[in-house]
Amino acid sequence: MEEKSRHEIVLRAKISYGEQRTNMSLRGWVDRELCEIGMQPINDTECQQYNLNDRPRIFQDV
């Protein structure tokens, strides 16, 4: 049950990240969302699984 919830939170965070104008990295955004509800930050394996970039948005190609 917790894994499904974590999965849903990560997917929703990815969507909200796309809608926001922030210079945070996608991984940082997801970590913030998870920590706000008391879950552990995303680990490297999950980062690869969800294809989360850890570079700040200002350094990404547009």
PDB file of N, CA and C in Angstrom:
ATOM      1  N   MET A   1       0.826  -1.202   0.000  1.00  0.00           N
ATOM      2  CA  MET A   1       0.000   0.000   0.000  1.00  0.00           C
ATOM      3  C   MET A   1       0.863   1.255   0.000  1.00  0.00           C
ATOM      4  N   GLU A   2       1.899   1.284   0.851  1.00  0.00           N
ATOM      5  CA  GLU A   2       2.751   2.469   0.918  1.00  0.00           C
ATOM      6  C   GLU A   2       3.490   2.697  -0.394  1.00  0.00           C
ATOM      7  N   GLU A   3       3.930   1.610  -1.059  1.00  0.00           N
ATOM      8  CA  GLU A   3       4.641   1.755  -2.318  1.00  0.00           C
ATOM      9  C   GLU A   3       3.751   2.387  -3.378  1.00  0.00           C
ATOM     10  N   LYS A   4       2.487   1.976  -3.437  1.00  0.00           N
ATOM     11  CA  LYS A   4       1.570   2.569  -4.404  1.00  0.00           C
ATOM     12  C   LYS A   4       1.389   4.053  -4.108  1.00  0.00           C
ATOM     13  N   SER A   5       1.216   4.387  -2.856  1.00  0.00           N
ATOM     14  CA  SER A   5       1.072   5.787  -2.480  1.00  0.00           C
ATOM     15  C   SER A   5       2.316   6.575  -2.850  1.00  0.00           C
ATOM     16  N   ARG A   6       3.471   5.996  -2.596  1.00  0.00           N
ATOM     17  CA  ARG A   6       4.737   6.661  -2.933  1.00  0.00           C
ATOM     18  C   ARG A   6       4.817   6.853  -4.447  1.00  0.00           C
ATOM     19  N   HIS A   7       4.430   5.832  -5.184  1.00  0.00           N
ATOM     20  CA  HIS A   7       4.430   5.905  -6.645  1.00  0.00           C
ATOM     21  C   HIS A   7       3.510   7.033  -7.122  1.00  0.00           C
ATOM     22  N   GLU A   8       2.319   7.102  -6.571  1.00  0.00           N
ATOM     23  CA  GLU A   8       1.374   8.150  -6.954  1.00  0.00           C
ATOM     24  C   GLU A   8       1.910   9.538  -6.608  1.00  0.00           C
ATOM     25  N   ILE A   9       2.539   9.658  -5.470  1.00  0.00           N
ATOM     26  CA  ILE A   9       3.088  10.949  -5.059  1.00  0.00           C
ATOM     27  C   ILE A   9       4.191  11.395  -6.017  1.00  0.00           C
ATOM     28  N   VAL A  10       5.054  10.464  -6.398  1.00  0.00           N
ATOM     29  CA  VAL A  10       6.134  10.797  -7.328  1.00  0.00           C
ATOM     30  C   VAL A  10       5.554  11.238  -8.667  1.00  0.00           C
ATOM     31  N   LEU A  11       4.570  10.505  -9.173  1.00  0.00           N
ATOM     32  CA  LEU A  11       3.970  10.870 -10.460  1.00  0.00           C
ATOM     33  C   LEU A  11       3.271  12.218 -10.395  1.00  0.00           C
ATOM     34  N   ARG A  12       2.560  12.465  -9.318  1.00  0.00           N
ATOM     35  CA  ARG A  12       1.888  13.766  -9.164  1.00  0.00           C
ATOM     36  C   ARG A  12       2.900  14.898  -9.031  1.00  0.00           C
ATOM     37  N   ALA A  13       3.998  14.634  -8.337  1.00  0.00           N
ATOM     38  CA  ALA A  13       5.046  15.648  -8.179  1.00  0.00           C
ATOM     39  C   ALA A  13       5.679  15.975  -9.534  1.00  0.00           C
ATOM     40  N   LYS A  14       5.859  14.957 -10.376  1.00  0.00           N
ATOM     41  CA  LYS A  14       6.401  15.202 -11.715  1.00  0.00           C
ATOM     42  C   LYS A  14       5.470  16.098 -12.526  1.00  0.00           C
ATOM     43  N   ILE A  15       4.181  15.872 -12.398  1.00  0.00           N
ATOM     44  CA  ILE A  15       3.200  16.703 -13.116  1.00  0.00           C
ATOM     45  C   ILE A  15       3.227  18.132 -12.587  1.00  0.00           C
ATOM     46  N   SER A  16       3.197  18.284 -11.270  1.00  0.00           N
ATOM     47  CA  SER A  16       3.174  19.634 -10.692  1.00  0.00           C
ATOM     48  C   SER A  16       4.473  20.376 -10.986  1.00  0.00           C
ATOM     49  N   TYR A  17       5.588  19.652 -11.071  1.00  0.00           N
ATOM     50  CA  TYR A  17       6.866  20.275 -11.406  1.00  0.00           C
ATOM     51  C   TYR A  17       6.800  20.903 -12.798  1.00  0.00           C
ATOM     52  N   GLY A  18       6.173  20.191 -13.728  1.00  0.00           N
ATOM     53  CA  GLY A  18       6.045  20.702 -15.084  1.00  0.00           C
ATOM     54  C   GLY A  18       5.193  21.952 -15.164  1.00  0.00           C
ATOM     55  N   GLU A  19       4.284  22.131 -14.221  1.00  0.00           N
ATOM     56  CA  GLU A  19       3.384  23.279 -14.207  1.00  0.00           C
ATOM     57  C   GLU A  19       3.971  24.493 -13.493  1.00  0.00           C
ATOM     58  N   GLN A  20       5.016  24.286 -12.716  1.00  0.00           N
ATOM     59  CA  GLN A  20       5.590  25.360 -11.907  1.00  0.00           C
ATOM     60  C   GLN A  20       6.790  25.998 -12.586  1.00  0.00           C
ATOM     61  N   ARG A  21       7.045  27.215 -12.224  1.00  0.00           N
ATOM     62  CA  ARG A  21       8.252  27.901 -12.682  1.00  0.00           C
ATOM     63  C   ARG A  21       9.220  27.939 -11.503  1.00  0.00           C
ATOM     64  N   THR A  22      10.029  26.912 -11.441  1.00  0.00           N
ATOM     65  CA  THR A  22      11.005  26.809 -10.361  1.00  0.00           C
ATOM     66  C   THR A  22      12.343  26.424 -10.949  1.00  0.00           C
ATOM     67  N   ASN A  23      13.400  26.802 -10.280  1.00  0.00           N
ATOM     68  CA  ASN A  23      14.737  26.428 -10.721  1.00  0.00           C
ATOM     69  C   ASN A  23      15.242  25.177 -10.023  1.00  0.00           C
ATOM     70  N   MET A  24      14.409  24.596  -9.162  1.00  0.00           N
ATOM     71  CA  MET A  24      14.791  23.357  -8.474  1.00  0.00           C
ATOM     72  C   MET A  24      14.956  22.241  -9.501  1.00  0.00           C
ATOM     73  N   SER A  25      15.717  21.235  -9.129  1.00  0.00           N
ATOM     74  CA  SER A  25      15.790  20.040  -9.965  1.00  0.00           C
ATOM     75  C   SER A  25      14.508  19.229  -9.751  1.00  0.00           C
ATOM     76  N   LEU A  26      14.203  18.376 -10.701  1.00  0.00           N
ATOM     77  CA  LEU A  26      13.032  17.517 -10.563  1.00  0.00           C
ATOM     78  C   LEU A  26      13.183  16.601  -9.357  1.00  0.00           C
ATOM     79  N   ARG A  27      14.387  16.086  -9.151  1.00  0.00           N
ATOM     80  CA  ARG A  27      14.616  15.219  -7.991  1.00  0.00           C
ATOM     81  C   ARG A  27      14.402  15.991  -6.690  1.00  0.00           C
ATOM     82  N   GLY A  28      14.889  17.207  -6.620  1.00  0.00           N
ATOM     83  CA  GLY A  28      14.694  18.039  -5.434  1.00  0.00           C
ATOM     84  C   GLY A  28      13.221  18.325  -5.171  1.00  0.00           C
ATOM     85  N   TRP A  29      12.476  18.550  -6.254  1.00  0.00           N
ATOM     86  CA  TRP A  29      11.040  18.818  -6.141  1.00  0.00           C
ATOM     87  C   TRP A  29      10.321  17.599  -5.569  1.00  0.00           C
ATOM     88  N   VAL A  30      10.639  16.418  -6.110  1.00  0.00           N
ATOM     89  CA  VAL A  30      10.017  15.182  -5.630  1.00  0.00           C
ATOM     90  C   VAL A  30      10.407  14.920  -4.179  1.00  0.00           C
ATOM     91  N   ASP A  31      11.681  15.114  -3.837  1.00  0.00           N
ATOM     92  CA  ASP A  31      12.129  14.937  -2.450  1.00  0.00           C
ATOM     93  C   ASP A  31      11.345  15.834  -1.504  1.00  0.00           C
ATOM     94  N   ARG A  32      11.142  17.073  -1.898  1.00  0.00           N
ATOM     95  CA  ARG A  32      10.404  18.033  -1.072  1.00  0.00           C
ATOM     96  C   ARG A  32       8.975  17.548  -0.850  1.00  0.00           C
ATOM     97  N   GLU A  33       8.340  17.081  -1.924  1.00  0.00           N
ATOM     98  CA  GLU A  33       6.969  16.576  -1.805  1.00  0.00           C
ATOM     99  C   GLU A  33       6.894  15.373  -0.875  1.00  0.00           C
ATOM    100  N   LEU A  34       7.831  14.454  -1.010  1.00  0.00           N
ATOM    101  CA  LEU A  34       7.835  13.263  -0.155  1.00  0.00           C
ATOM    102  C   LEU A  34       8.085  13.629   1.308  1.00  0.00           C
ATOM    103  N   CYS A  35       9.037  14.505   1.535  1.00  0.00           N
ATOM    104  CA  CYS A  35       9.377  14.895   2.915  1.00  0.00           C
ATOM    105  C   CYS A  35       8.231  15.640   3.599  1.00  0.00           C
ATOM    106  N   GLU A  36       7.465  16.405   2.825  1.00  0.00           N
ATOM    107  CA  GLU A  36       6.342  17.146   3.398  1.00  0.00           C
ATOM    108  C   GLU A  36       5.302  16.221   4.028  1.00  0.00           C
ATOM    109  N   ILE A  37       5.191  14.994   3.519  1.00  0.00           N
ATOM    110  CA  ILE A  37       4.215  14.062   4.087  1.00  0.00           C
ATOM    111  C   ILE A  37       4.875  12.997   4.943  1.00  0.00           C
ATOM    112  N   GLY A  38       6.158  13.188   5.250  1.00  0.00           N
ATOM    113  CA  GLY A  38       6.848  12.312   6.183  1.00  0.00           C
ATOM    114  C   GLY A  38       7.480  11.074   5.573  1.00  0.00           C
ATOM    115  N   MET A  39       7.627  11.036   4.260  1.00  0.00           N
ATOM    116  CA  MET A  39       8.268   9.886   3.610  1.00  0.00           C
ATOM    117  C   MET A  39       9.745  10.181   3.367  1.00  0.00           C
ATOM    118  N   GLN A  40      10.501   9.122   3.213  1.00  0.00           N
ATOM    119  CA  GLN A  40      11.933   9.245   2.943  1.00  0.00           C
ATOM    120  C   GLN A  40      12.159   9.861   1.567  1.00  0.00           C
ATOM    121  N   PRO A  41      13.242  10.631   1.418  1.00  0.00           N
ATOM    122  CA  PRO A  41      13.568  11.163   0.094  1.00  0.00           C
ATOM    123  C   PRO A  41      13.794  10.029  -0.901  1.00  0.00           C
ATOM    124  N   ILE A  42      13.716  10.353  -2.146  1.00  0.00           N
ATOM    125  CA  ILE A  42      13.877   9.357  -3.199  1.00  0.00           C
ATOM    126  C   ILE A  42      15.327   8.879  -3.245  1.00  0.00           C
ATOM    127  N   ASN A  43      15.532   7.605  -3.495  1.00  0.00           N
ATOM    128  CA  ASN A  43      16.895   7.078  -3.552  1.00  0.00           C
ATOM    129  C   ASN A  43      17.364   7.002  -5.009  1.00  0.00           C
ATOM    130  N   ASP A  44      18.626   6.665  -5.221  1.00  0.00           N
ATOM    131  CA  ASP A  44      19.190   6.669  -6.564  1.00  0.00           C
ATOM    132  C   ASP A  44      18.495   5.684  -7.500  1.00  0.00           C
ATOM    133  N   THR A  45      18.113   4.526  -6.985  1.00  0.00           N
ATOM    134  CA  THR A  45      17.427   3.532  -7.814  1.00  0.00           C
ATOM    135  C   THR A  45      16.078   4.063  -8.289  1.00  0.00           C
ATOM    136  N   GLU A  46      15.324   4.667  -7.365  1.00  0.00           N
ATOM    137  CA  GLU A  46      14.035   5.253  -7.734  1.00  0.00           C
ATOM    138  C   GLU A  46      14.227   6.409  -8.702  1.00  0.00           C
ATOM    139  N   CYS A  47      15.273   7.163  -8.494  1.00  0.00           N
ATOM    140  CA  CYS A  47      15.567   8.294  -9.366  1.00  0.00           C
ATOM    141  C   CYS A  47      15.731   7.813 -10.812  1.00  0.00           C
ATOM    142  N   GLN A  48      16.434   6.715 -10.992  1.00  0.00           N
ATOM    143  CA  GLN A  48      16.602   6.151 -12.330  1.00  0.00           C
ATOM    144  C   GLN A  48      15.288   5.569 -12.840  1.00  0.00           C
ATOM    145  N   GLN A  49      14.563   4.897 -11.966  1.00  0.00           N
ATOM    146  CA  GLN A  49      13.291   4.275 -12.345  1.00  0.00           C
ATOM    147  C   GLN A  49      12.300   5.314 -12.870  1.00  0.00           C
ATOM    148  N   TYR A  50      12.222   6.452 -12.198  1.00  0.00           N
ATOM    149  CA  TYR A  50      11.275   7.503 -12.573  1.00  0.00           C
ATOM    150  C   TYR A  50      11.883   8.541 -13.516  1.00  0.00           C
ATOM    151  N   ASN A  51      13.137   8.330 -13.896  1.00  0.00           N
ATOM    152  CA  ASN A  51      13.830   9.233 -14.813  1.00  0.00           C
ATOM    153  C   ASN A  51      13.820  10.682 -14.296  1.00  0.00           C
ATOM    154  N   LEU A  52      14.289  10.844 -13.066  1.00  0.00           N
ATOM    155  CA  LEU A  52      14.311  12.156 -12.431  1.00  0.00           C
ATOM    156  C   LEU A  52      15.672  12.817 -12.622  1.00  0.00           C
ATOM    157  N   ASN A  53      15.670  14.000 -13.142  1.00  0.00           N
ATOM    158  CA  ASN A  53      16.884  14.762 -13.357  1.00  0.00           C
ATOM    159  C   ASN A  53      17.267  15.453 -12.056  1.00  0.00           C
ATOM    160  N   ASP A  54      18.561  15.453 -11.744  1.00  0.00           N
ATOM    161  CA  ASP A  54      18.989  16.113 -10.506  1.00  0.00           C
ATOM    162  C   ASP A  54      19.701  17.438 -10.775  1.00  0.00           C
ATOM    163  N   ARG A  55      19.620  17.925 -12.008  1.00  0.00           N
ATOM    164  CA  ARG A  55      20.204  19.237 -12.319  1.00  0.00           C
ATOM    165  C   ARG A  55      19.146  20.316 -12.172  1.00  0.00           C
ATOM    166  N   PRO A  56      19.516  21.473 -11.681  1.00  0.00           N
ATOM    167  CA  PRO A  56      18.561  22.575 -11.605  1.00  0.00           C
ATOM    168  C   PRO A  56      18.011  22.901 -12.992  1.00  0.00           C
ATOM    169  N   ARG A  57      16.786  23.307 -13.060  1.00  0.00           N
ATOM    170  CA  ARG A  57      16.120  23.593 -14.331  1.00  0.00           C
ATOM    171  C   ARG A  57      16.864  24.634 -15.165  1.00  0.00           C
ATOM    172  N   ILE A  58      17.502  25.601 -14.521  1.00  0.00           N
ATOM    173  CA  ILE A  58      18.180  26.649 -15.274  1.00  0.00           C
ATOM    174  C   ILE A  58      19.332  26.107 -16.118  1.00  0.00           C
ATOM    175  N   PHE A  59      19.821  24.906 -15.805  1.00  0.00           N
ATOM    176  CA  PHE A  59      20.918  24.316 -16.555  1.00  0.00           C
ATOM    177  C   PHE A  59      20.445  23.283 -17.581  1.00  0.00           C
ATOM    178  N   GLN A  60      19.151  23.061 -17.668  1.00  0.00           N
ATOM    179  CA  GLN A  60      18.616  22.071 -18.602  1.00  0.00           C
ATOM    180  C   GLN A  60      18.348  22.721 -19.948  1.00  0.00           C
ATOM    181  N   ASP A  61      18.483  21.949 -20.977  1.00  0.00           N
ATOM    182  CA  ASP A  61      18.173  22.439 -22.323  1.00  0.00           C
ATOM    183  C   ASP A  61      16.678  22.630 -22.440  1.00  0.00           C
ATOM    184  N   VAL A  62      16.279  23.707 -23.044  1.00  0.00           N
ATOM    185  CA  VAL A  62      14.844  24.003 -23.194  1.00  0.00           C
ATOM    186  C   VAL A  62      14.429  23.748 -24.616  1.00  0.00           C
TER     187      VAL A  62
END
